[in-house]
Each structure stands twice: as C-alpha cells, then as structure tokens.
Protein backbone atom coordinates (compact mmCIF):
# COMPACT_ATOMS: atom_id res chain seq x y z
CA MET A 1 -77.33 -177.41 43.85
CA PRO A 2 -78.47 -173.92 42.77
CA PRO A 3 -75.78 -171.37 41.81
CA THR A 4 -74.89 -168.69 44.34
CA LEU A 5 -75.21 -165.03 43.44
CA GLN A 6 -71.46 -164.72 42.99
CA GLU A 7 -71.42 -167.60 40.49
CA PHE A 8 -74.33 -166.03 38.63
CA ASP A 9 -72.87 -162.52 38.53
CA LEU A 10 -74.20 -160.82 35.38
CA LEU A 11 -72.62 -157.68 33.94
CA THR A 12 -74.19 -155.10 31.66
CA LEU A 13 -72.31 -154.05 28.52
CA ALA A 14 -71.42 -150.78 30.26
CA GLU A 15 -69.84 -152.72 33.14
CA VAL A 16 -67.94 -154.96 30.70
CA ALA A 17 -66.71 -151.85 28.87
CA ARG A 18 -65.49 -150.35 32.13
CA LEU A 19 -63.61 -153.58 32.98
CA LEU A 20 -62.07 -153.85 29.49
CA GLN A 21 -61.37 -150.10 29.37
CA CYS A 22 -63.12 -149.56 26.05
CA SER A 23 -66.41 -148.11 24.86
CA LYS A 24 -69.80 -149.72 25.32
CA ALA A 25 -70.24 -149.59 21.53
CA HIS A 26 -67.03 -151.59 21.04
CA VAL A 27 -68.21 -154.22 23.55
CA GLY A 28 -71.53 -154.41 21.68
CA LYS A 29 -69.62 -155.11 18.46
CA ALA A 30 -67.48 -157.73 20.23
CA VAL A 31 -70.60 -159.47 21.57
CA ALA A 32 -72.09 -159.44 18.05
CA GLY A 33 -68.87 -160.89 16.61
CA ARG A 34 -68.07 -157.82 14.49
CA VAL A 35 -64.52 -157.18 15.75
CA PRO A 36 -61.99 -158.64 13.28
CA GLY A 37 -59.57 -161.13 14.81
CA CYS A 38 -61.57 -161.36 18.03
CA PRO A 39 -63.97 -164.18 18.94
CA PRO A 40 -67.41 -163.01 20.09
CA ILE A 41 -67.94 -162.42 23.80
CA PRO A 42 -70.61 -164.92 24.96
CA ALA A 43 -73.66 -163.06 26.26
CA VAL A 44 -77.18 -163.75 27.47
CA SER A 45 -79.99 -161.93 25.68
CA LEU A 46 -82.82 -160.55 27.75
CA GLY A 47 -84.97 -158.90 25.12
CA ARG A 48 -82.74 -156.26 23.54
CA ARG A 49 -80.51 -156.22 26.58
CA LYS A 50 -77.28 -158.23 26.60
CA LEU A 51 -75.69 -159.49 29.81
CA VAL A 52 -72.33 -161.20 30.27
CA ARG A 53 -71.47 -163.59 33.11
CA ARG A 54 -68.35 -162.43 34.96
CA GLY A 55 -66.85 -165.93 34.84
CA THR A 56 -67.47 -166.19 31.10
CA LEU A 57 -65.80 -162.82 30.53
CA LEU A 58 -62.74 -163.87 32.55
CA ALA A 59 -62.49 -167.13 30.58
CA TRP A 60 -62.84 -165.19 27.29
CA ILE A 61 -60.00 -162.83 28.32
CA GLU A 62 -57.74 -165.76 29.28
CA ARG A 63 -58.45 -167.55 25.99
CA ASN A 64 -57.61 -164.40 24.02
CA GLU A 65 -54.37 -163.94 25.97
CA ARG A 66 -53.30 -167.53 25.22
CA GLU A 67 -54.13 -167.17 21.52
CA ALA A 68 -52.35 -163.81 21.27
CA SER A 69 -49.19 -165.16 22.91
CA SER A 70 -49.02 -168.07 20.44
CA VAL A 71 -49.23 -165.84 17.34
CA MET A 72 -45.94 -164.74 15.83
CA ILE A 73 -45.89 -161.10 14.81
CA PRO A 74 -44.05 -160.65 11.50
CA ILE A 75 -41.00 -158.41 11.58
CA SER A 76 -41.75 -155.17 9.80
CA PRO A 77 -39.32 -153.93 7.17
CA VAL A 78 -36.83 -151.25 8.12
CA ARG A 79 -38.35 -147.86 7.51
CA GLY A 80 -36.75 -146.08 4.59
CA ALA A 81 -34.65 -149.10 3.52
CA GLY A 82 -35.86 -148.89 -0.08
CA LYS A 83 -35.31 -145.15 -0.49
CA ARG A 84 -32.40 -143.71 -2.39
CA ALA A 85 -30.52 -140.71 -1.14
C-alpha cells in the first residue's frame, strides 16, 4: 500500500526551524549531529538539500523529551557561599 501525502509530508530545514522556534542554521547543525547533547535529526538528502519527515521530527522531539525528563540536573552551589564578608 503506497503512503499517502500526509504520511510522506516532507519539511524543509526552514520549516523545521519555524516549528522548533530556532534558526535554520541551528537546525542544519542538529541534522549534521553538531549540537552537543542532542542526537541528530534524521533527514533525507536530495543533493545538497535536506528534508525531514514530519513524523520523524515528532518522534525525535518525543524521544528528546523522554530523555530530558530522565536526566537529573545537579543542584548548583549557593551563590556567594564561599565568600567572606
């Protein structure tokens, strides 16, 4: 059974940036795997052009949310605790 257009919805990096509310350059780095602490966004290459399936992007966001909620953030030291008056 061939995929419908909605299942095969491809987004440009500019559209992904708009959805993630960040710059197109940042999305390009995320697709290339150059954002520390962030797994690469799976993309399809069409020559130099990169396209991201909407479903893949949604799954990537959900995976990142799950991983972020399982990470414990260390308590930062009290500011100025080591200073003497």
